[in-house]
Amino acid sequence: PHAGPYTITKHAITGLTKQIALDGRPFNITATQIDVGNAATDMSAHSAKGTLQPNGSTKVEARMDAKHVANTVAYVASLPNNVTVLEMIVMAAEMPFVGRG
């Protein structure tokens, strides 16, 4: 709830990533969108106390170690130029489905 601007910008980034991937092909340029769930950082500390859910309740959400995000970025960066990952979601397995909804 109350996440309209976040959702709009997330979808804009998805479109931009796909367009860069298409426009970059002739130049051997790839693009990847990595959507990150609740990585255990200062930014997500509030989710350990409870986060507003679509039904109006507050629920403590699972978080994952931020090293998993770093490992994901390193993996994508390690791929050869003729291989790409267009989209990927990295999140704690116990997190509500794809970010509360």
C-alpha atoms as a PDB file:
ATOM      1  CA  PRO A   1       0.000   0.000   0.000  1.00  0.00           C
ATOM      2  CA  HIS A   2       0.983   3.613  -0.576  1.00  0.00           C
ATOM      3  CA  ALA A   3       3.638   2.514  -3.071  1.00  0.00           C
ATOM      4  CA  GLY A   4       2.333   4.051  -6.311  1.00  0.00           C
ATOM      5  CA  PRO A   5       5.421   6.158  -7.104  1.00  0.00           C
ATOM      6  CA  TYR A   6       7.730   3.222  -6.289  1.00  0.00           C
ATOM      7  CA  THR A   7       5.735   0.882  -8.528  1.00  0.00           C
ATOM      8  CA  ILE A   8       5.658   3.388 -11.382  1.00  0.00           C
ATOM      9  CA  THR A   9       9.417   3.935 -11.302  1.00  0.00           C
ATOM     10  CA  LYS A  10      10.105   0.205 -11.021  1.00  0.00           C
ATOM     11  CA  HIS A  11       8.105  -0.434 -14.188  1.00  0.00           C
ATOM     12  CA  ALA A  12       9.879   2.470 -15.891  1.00  0.00           C
ATOM     13  CA  ILE A  13      13.250   0.891 -15.082  1.00  0.00           C
ATOM     14  CA  THR A  14      12.017  -2.421 -16.504  1.00  0.00           C
ATOM     15  CA  GLY A  15      11.094  -0.697 -19.768  1.00  0.00           C
ATOM     16  CA  LEU A  16      14.384   1.205 -19.884  1.00  0.00           C
ATOM     17  CA  THR A  17      16.370  -1.992 -19.250  1.00  0.00           C
ATOM     18  CA  LYS A  18      14.606  -3.785 -22.120  1.00  0.00           C
ATOM     19  CA  GLN A  19      15.115  -0.837 -24.463  1.00  0.00           C
ATOM     20  CA  ILE A  20      18.829  -0.592 -23.616  1.00  0.00           C
ATOM     21  CA  ALA A  21      19.143  -4.334 -24.244  1.00  0.00           C
ATOM     22  CA  LEU A  22      17.520  -3.946 -27.673  1.00  0.00           C
ATOM     23  CA  ASP A  23      19.309  -0.757 -28.700  1.00  0.00           C
ATOM     24  CA  GLY A  24      22.644  -2.032 -27.410  1.00  0.00           C
ATOM     25  CA  ARG A  25      22.728  -5.244 -29.448  1.00  0.00           C
ATOM     26  CA  PRO A  26      24.580  -3.759 -32.451  1.00  0.00           C
ATOM     27  CA  PHE A  27      27.236  -2.437 -30.053  1.00  0.00           C
ATOM     28  CA  ASN A  28      27.605  -5.571 -27.892  1.00  0.00           C
ATOM     29  CA  ILE A  29      25.956  -3.759 -24.969  1.00  0.00           C
ATOM     30  CA  THR A  30      23.728  -5.673 -22.578  1.00  0.00           C
ATOM     31  CA  ALA A  31      21.542  -4.574 -19.675  1.00  0.00           C
ATOM     32  CA  THR A  32      20.334  -6.359 -16.566  1.00  0.00           C
ATOM     33  CA  GLN A  33      17.674  -5.390 -14.037  1.00  0.00           C
ATOM     34  CA  ILE A  34      18.265  -6.952 -10.626  1.00  0.00           C
ATOM     35  CA  ASP A  35      15.294  -6.498  -8.306  1.00  0.00           C
ATOM     36  CA  VAL A  36      16.424  -6.774  -4.716  1.00  0.00           C
ATOM     37  CA  GLY A  37      14.154  -7.946  -1.914  1.00  0.00           C
ATOM     38  CA  ASN A  38      14.784  -7.084   1.702  1.00  0.00           C
ATOM     39  CA  ALA A  39      18.555  -7.162   1.950  1.00  0.00           C
ATOM     40  CA  ALA A  40      19.667  -6.670   5.556  1.00  0.00           C
ATOM     41  CA  THR A  41      20.909  -3.089   5.348  1.00  0.00           C
ATOM     42  CA  ASP A  42      20.141   0.138   7.166  1.00  0.00           C
ATOM     43  CA  MET A  43      17.591   0.919   4.453  1.00  0.00           C
ATOM     44  CA  SER A  44      15.501  -2.175   5.274  1.00  0.00           C
ATOM     45  CA  ALA A  45      15.935  -2.089   9.053  1.00  0.00           C
ATOM     46  CA  HIS A  46      12.312  -0.978   9.430  1.00  0.00           C
ATOM     47  CA  SER A  47      11.077  -4.270   7.898  1.00  0.00           C
ATOM     48  CA  ALA A  48      12.546  -6.166  10.856  1.00  0.00           C
ATOM     49  CA  LYS A  49      10.051  -4.271  13.035  1.00  0.00           C
ATOM     50  CA  GLY A  50       7.081  -4.733  10.731  1.00  0.00           C
ATOM     51  CA  THR A  51       5.952  -3.485   7.334  1.00  0.00           C
ATOM     52  CA  LEU A  52       2.492  -2.473   6.199  1.00  0.00           C
ATOM     53  CA  GLN A  53       0.842  -5.253   4.180  1.00  0.00           C
ATOM     54  CA  PRO A  54      -1.870  -4.969   1.482  1.00  0.00           C
ATOM     55  CA  ASN A  55      -4.549  -6.079   3.975  1.00  0.00           C
ATOM     56  CA  GLY A  56      -3.635  -3.230   6.338  1.00  0.00           C
ATOM     57  CA  SER A  57      -1.824  -5.395   8.883  1.00  0.00           C
ATOM     58  CA  THR A  58       1.803  -4.972   9.887  1.00  0.00           C
ATOM     59  CA  LYS A  59       4.095  -7.972   9.505  1.00  0.00           C
ATOM     60  CA  VAL A  60       7.776  -8.577  10.177  1.00  0.00           C
ATOM     61  CA  GLU A  61       9.369  -9.474   6.852  1.00  0.00           C
ATOM     62  CA  ALA A  62      12.301 -11.779   6.238  1.00  0.00           C
ATOM     63  CA  ARG A  63      15.598 -10.216   5.214  1.00  0.00           C
ATOM     64  CA  MET A  64      18.650 -11.720   3.559  1.00  0.00           C
ATOM     65  CA  ASP A  65      22.330 -10.982   3.937  1.00  0.00           C
ATOM     66  CA  ALA A  66      23.372  -8.237   1.497  1.00  0.00           C
ATOM     67  CA  LYS A  67      26.303 -10.416   0.375  1.00  0.00           C
ATOM     68  CA  HIS A  68      23.804 -12.382  -1.722  1.00  0.00           C
ATOM     69  CA  VAL A  69      23.032  -9.245  -3.701  1.00  0.00           C
ATOM     70  CA  ALA A  70      26.743  -8.599  -4.189  1.00  0.00           C
ATOM     71  CA  ASN A  71      27.236 -12.196  -5.329  1.00  0.00           C
ATOM     72  CA  THR A  72      24.405 -11.802  -7.827  1.00  0.00           C
ATOM     73  CA  VAL A  73      25.918  -8.637  -9.289  1.00  0.00           C
ATOM     74  CA  ALA A  74      29.327 -10.340  -9.499  1.00  0.00           C
ATOM     75  CA  TYR A  75      27.772 -13.348 -11.265  1.00  0.00           C
ATOM     76  CA  VAL A  76      26.032 -11.212 -13.887  1.00  0.00           C
ATOM     77  CA  ALA A  77      29.206  -9.165 -14.414  1.00  0.00           C
ATOM     78  CA  SER A  78      31.251 -12.339 -14.861  1.00  0.00           C
ATOM     79  CA  LEU A  79      29.232 -13.555 -17.837  1.00  0.00           C
ATOM     80  CA  PRO A  80      30.826 -13.344 -21.274  1.00  0.00           C
ATOM     81  CA  ASN A  81      29.609 -10.562 -23.576  1.00  0.00           C
ATOM     82  CA  ASN A  82      27.540 -12.987 -25.634  1.00  0.00           C
ATOM     83  CA  VAL A  83      25.434 -14.026 -22.604  1.00  0.00           C
ATOM     84  CA  THR A  84      22.997 -11.852 -20.694  1.00  0.00           C
ATOM     85  CA  VAL A  85      20.528 -12.021 -17.832  1.00  0.00           C
ATOM     86  CA  LEU A  86      17.752  -9.556 -18.619  1.00  0.00           C
ATOM     87  CA  GLU A  87      15.889  -9.681 -15.292  1.00  0.00           C
ATOM     88  CA  MET A  88      16.478 -11.290 -11.921  1.00  0.00           C
ATOM     89  CA  ILE A  89      14.807 -11.101  -8.503  1.00  0.00           C
ATOM     90  CA  VAL A  90      16.932 -11.784  -5.419  1.00  0.00           C
ATOM     91  CA  MET A  91      15.000 -12.003  -2.159  1.00  0.00           C
ATOM     92  CA  ALA A  92      14.725 -13.890   1.097  1.00  0.00           C
ATOM     93  CA  ALA A  93      12.834 -17.135   0.481  1.00  0.00           C
ATOM     94  CA  GLU A  94      10.411 -16.335   3.310  1.00  0.00           C
ATOM     95  CA  MET A  95       9.592 -12.864   1.988  1.00  0.00           C
ATOM     96  CA  PRO A  96       5.953 -12.284   0.998  1.00  0.00           C
ATOM     97  CA  PHE A  97       5.439 -13.069  -2.681  1.00  0.00           C
ATOM     98  CA  VAL A  98       7.401 -10.652  -4.856  1.00  0.00           C
ATOM     99  CA  GLY A  99       7.356  -7.809  -2.415  1.00  0.00           C
ATOM    100  CA  ARG A 100       3.959  -8.008  -0.741  1.00  0.00           C
ATOM    101  CA  GLY A 101       1.854  -8.688  -3.706  1.00  0.00           C
END
